Amino acid sequence: MPQLDTSTWFITIVSSMITLFILFQLKISSQAFPAAPSLKIVHTEKTKNPWESKWTKIYLPLSSPQQ
């Protein structure tokens, strides 16, 4: 049985890897990526709840005397 000649494998593998690297670099560099996103100011409307304006006993600290 003849022996397999592996003397050209190194150059074949290295040249294939270099070719793939170059092709992927060209493919990636041709992509058009959007620029850095700009900040969008979002205005949230504050709704008035009836319990926000009231001060109840629940909010009083425990150490304060009851009135």
N, C-alpha and C. Protein backbone atom coordinates (compact mmCIF):
# COMPACT_ATOMS: atom_id res chain seq x y z
N MET A 1 0.85 -1.17 0.00
CA MET A 1 0.00 0.00 0.00
C MET A 1 0.91 1.24 0.00
N PRO A 2 0.67 2.17 -0.93
CA PRO A 2 1.53 3.35 -1.00
C PRO A 2 1.26 4.30 0.16
N GLN A 3 2.29 5.02 0.53
CA GLN A 3 2.16 5.96 1.64
C GLN A 3 1.58 7.28 1.13
N LEU A 4 0.75 7.89 2.00
CA LEU A 4 0.10 9.14 1.64
C LEU A 4 1.10 10.29 1.75
N ASP A 5 1.19 11.09 0.68
CA ASP A 5 2.13 12.21 0.66
C ASP A 5 1.48 13.40 1.36
N THR A 6 2.00 13.78 2.53
CA THR A 6 1.43 14.88 3.31
C THR A 6 2.30 16.13 3.27
N SER A 7 3.22 16.20 2.35
CA SER A 7 4.14 17.33 2.32
C SER A 7 3.46 18.63 1.90
N THR A 8 2.37 18.56 1.17
CA THR A 8 1.71 19.79 0.71
C THR A 8 0.52 20.18 1.58
N TRP A 9 0.23 19.40 2.60
CA TRP A 9 -0.93 19.71 3.43
C TRP A 9 -0.80 21.02 4.17
N PHE A 10 0.39 21.30 4.68
CA PHE A 10 0.58 22.51 5.48
C PHE A 10 0.29 23.75 4.64
N ILE A 11 0.88 23.85 3.48
CA ILE A 11 0.69 25.04 2.64
C ILE A 11 -0.76 25.13 2.15
N THR A 12 -1.40 23.99 1.93
CA THR A 12 -2.80 23.99 1.49
C THR A 12 -3.72 24.51 2.60
N ILE A 13 -3.51 24.04 3.82
CA ILE A 13 -4.34 24.46 4.95
C ILE A 13 -4.11 25.93 5.26
N VAL A 14 -2.85 26.36 5.28
CA VAL A 14 -2.54 27.74 5.60
C VAL A 14 -3.10 28.68 4.53
N SER A 15 -2.95 28.34 3.28
CA SER A 15 -3.47 29.21 2.22
C SER A 15 -4.99 29.24 2.24
N SER A 16 -5.64 28.14 2.58
CA SER A 16 -7.10 28.12 2.70
C SER A 16 -7.57 29.02 3.84
N MET A 17 -6.86 28.96 4.96
CA MET A 17 -7.24 29.79 6.10
C MET A 17 -7.04 31.27 5.78
N ILE A 18 -5.95 31.61 5.11
CA ILE A 18 -5.72 33.01 4.74
C ILE A 18 -6.79 33.48 3.76
N THR A 19 -7.14 32.63 2.80
CA THR A 19 -8.17 32.99 1.82
C THR A 19 -9.52 33.20 2.51
N LEU A 20 -9.88 32.31 3.41
CA LEU A 20 -11.14 32.46 4.13
C LEU A 20 -11.14 33.72 4.99
N PHE A 21 -10.01 34.01 5.62
CA PHE A 21 -9.92 35.21 6.44
C PHE A 21 -10.13 36.46 5.58
N ILE A 22 -9.49 36.51 4.44
CA ILE A 22 -9.62 37.67 3.55
C ILE A 22 -11.05 37.79 3.04
N LEU A 23 -11.65 36.66 2.66
CA LEU A 23 -13.03 36.72 2.16
C LEU A 23 -14.00 37.21 3.24
N PHE A 24 -13.84 36.71 4.47
CA PHE A 24 -14.72 37.16 5.55
C PHE A 24 -14.49 38.63 5.87
N GLN A 25 -13.24 39.08 5.82
CA GLN A 25 -12.97 40.50 6.06
C GLN A 25 -13.63 41.37 5.00
N LEU A 26 -13.57 40.95 3.76
CA LEU A 26 -14.19 41.71 2.68
C LEU A 26 -15.71 41.72 2.83
N LYS A 27 -16.26 40.57 3.22
CA LYS A 27 -17.72 40.49 3.38
C LYS A 27 -18.18 41.38 4.54
N ILE A 28 -17.45 41.35 5.64
CA ILE A 28 -17.84 42.15 6.80
C ILE A 28 -17.65 43.63 6.52
N SER A 29 -16.56 43.99 5.82
CA SER A 29 -16.31 45.41 5.58
C SER A 29 -17.30 46.01 4.58
N SER A 30 -17.96 45.17 3.79
CA SER A 30 -18.94 45.71 2.83
C SER A 30 -20.31 45.92 3.47
N GLN A 31 -20.49 45.44 4.70
CA GLN A 31 -21.77 45.63 5.38
C GLN A 31 -21.90 47.09 5.81
N ALA A 32 -23.10 47.61 5.72
CA ALA A 32 -23.37 48.98 6.14
C ALA A 32 -24.02 48.94 7.52
N PHE A 33 -23.23 49.22 8.54
CA PHE A 33 -23.76 49.23 9.89
C PHE A 33 -24.26 50.63 10.22
N PRO A 34 -25.35 50.74 10.98
CA PRO A 34 -25.84 52.08 11.34
C PRO A 34 -24.85 52.76 12.29
N ALA A 35 -24.88 54.09 12.28
CA ALA A 35 -24.01 54.85 13.17
C ALA A 35 -24.47 54.66 14.61
N ALA A 36 -23.73 55.23 15.50
CA ALA A 36 -24.08 55.12 16.91
C ALA A 36 -25.49 55.67 17.12
N PRO A 37 -26.33 54.97 17.85
CA PRO A 37 -27.70 55.43 18.03
C PRO A 37 -27.75 56.73 18.82
N SER A 38 -28.61 57.62 18.36
CA SER A 38 -28.77 58.88 19.07
C SER A 38 -29.80 58.71 20.17
N LEU A 39 -29.65 59.52 21.20
CA LEU A 39 -30.57 59.43 22.32
C LEU A 39 -31.91 60.04 21.95
N LYS A 40 -32.95 59.34 22.26
CA LYS A 40 -34.30 59.83 22.01
C LYS A 40 -34.90 60.21 23.36
N ILE A 41 -35.31 61.45 23.46
CA ILE A 41 -35.88 61.93 24.71
C ILE A 41 -37.36 61.53 24.76
N VAL A 42 -37.69 60.78 25.78
CA VAL A 42 -39.07 60.31 25.94
C VAL A 42 -39.69 61.08 27.10
N HIS A 43 -40.79 61.74 26.82
CA HIS A 43 -41.49 62.49 27.86
C HIS A 43 -42.62 61.61 28.39
N THR A 44 -42.51 61.28 29.67
CA THR A 44 -43.57 60.49 30.29
C THR A 44 -44.50 61.44 31.04
N GLU A 45 -45.76 61.21 30.85
CA GLU A 45 -46.74 62.05 31.53
C GLU A 45 -46.97 61.52 32.93
N LYS A 46 -46.90 62.42 33.89
CA LYS A 46 -47.12 62.04 35.28
C LYS A 46 -48.61 62.15 35.56
N THR A 47 -49.21 61.05 35.93
CA THR A 47 -50.64 61.08 36.26
C THR A 47 -50.81 61.39 37.73
N LYS A 48 -51.85 62.11 38.02
CA LYS A 48 -52.14 62.47 39.40
C LYS A 48 -52.99 61.39 40.04
N ASN A 49 -52.48 60.80 41.09
CA ASN A 49 -53.24 59.82 41.84
C ASN A 49 -53.71 60.47 43.14
N PRO A 50 -54.87 60.14 43.60
CA PRO A 50 -55.38 60.81 44.81
C PRO A 50 -54.53 60.53 46.04
N TRP A 51 -53.84 59.41 46.11
CA TRP A 51 -53.08 59.09 47.31
C TRP A 51 -51.70 59.75 47.32
N GLU A 52 -51.29 60.35 46.20
CA GLU A 52 -49.98 60.98 46.19
C GLU A 52 -49.98 62.30 46.95
N SER A 53 -51.09 63.00 46.98
CA SER A 53 -51.12 64.30 47.64
C SER A 53 -51.53 64.19 49.11
N LYS A 54 -51.92 63.02 49.56
CA LYS A 54 -52.37 62.86 50.94
C LYS A 54 -51.24 62.34 51.83
N TRP A 55 -51.23 62.79 53.05
CA TRP A 55 -50.28 62.30 54.04
C TRP A 55 -51.10 61.53 55.06
N THR A 56 -50.91 60.25 55.06
CA THR A 56 -51.72 59.43 55.95
C THR A 56 -50.88 58.89 57.09
N LYS A 57 -51.52 58.26 58.02
CA LYS A 57 -50.82 57.70 59.18
C LYS A 57 -49.89 56.56 58.78
N ILE A 58 -50.13 55.97 57.65
CA ILE A 58 -49.28 54.87 57.21
C ILE A 58 -47.86 55.36 56.96
N TYR A 59 -47.73 56.60 56.48
CA TYR A 59 -46.42 57.12 56.14
C TYR A 59 -45.67 57.70 57.34
N LEU A 60 -46.35 57.86 58.48
CA LEU A 60 -45.69 58.41 59.64
C LEU A 60 -44.71 57.39 60.22
N PRO A 61 -43.56 57.85 60.69
CA PRO A 61 -42.64 56.91 61.34
C PRO A 61 -43.26 56.38 62.63
N LEU A 62 -42.81 55.22 63.04
CA LEU A 62 -43.40 54.58 64.21
C LEU A 62 -43.04 55.32 65.49
N SER A 63 -41.93 56.03 65.51
CA SER A 63 -41.50 56.69 66.73
C SER A 63 -42.23 58.01 66.99
N SER A 64 -42.93 58.53 65.97
CA SER A 64 -43.60 59.80 66.20
C SER A 64 -44.91 59.57 66.97
N PRO A 65 -45.27 60.53 67.82
CA PRO A 65 -46.51 60.35 68.60
C PRO A 65 -47.75 60.48 67.74
N GLN A 66 -48.77 59.75 68.10
CA GLN A 66 -50.02 59.81 67.35
C GLN A 66 -50.75 61.11 67.70
N GLN A 67 -51.41 61.69 66.76
CA GLN A 67 -52.12 62.93 67.02
C GLN A 67 -53.62 62.71 66.99
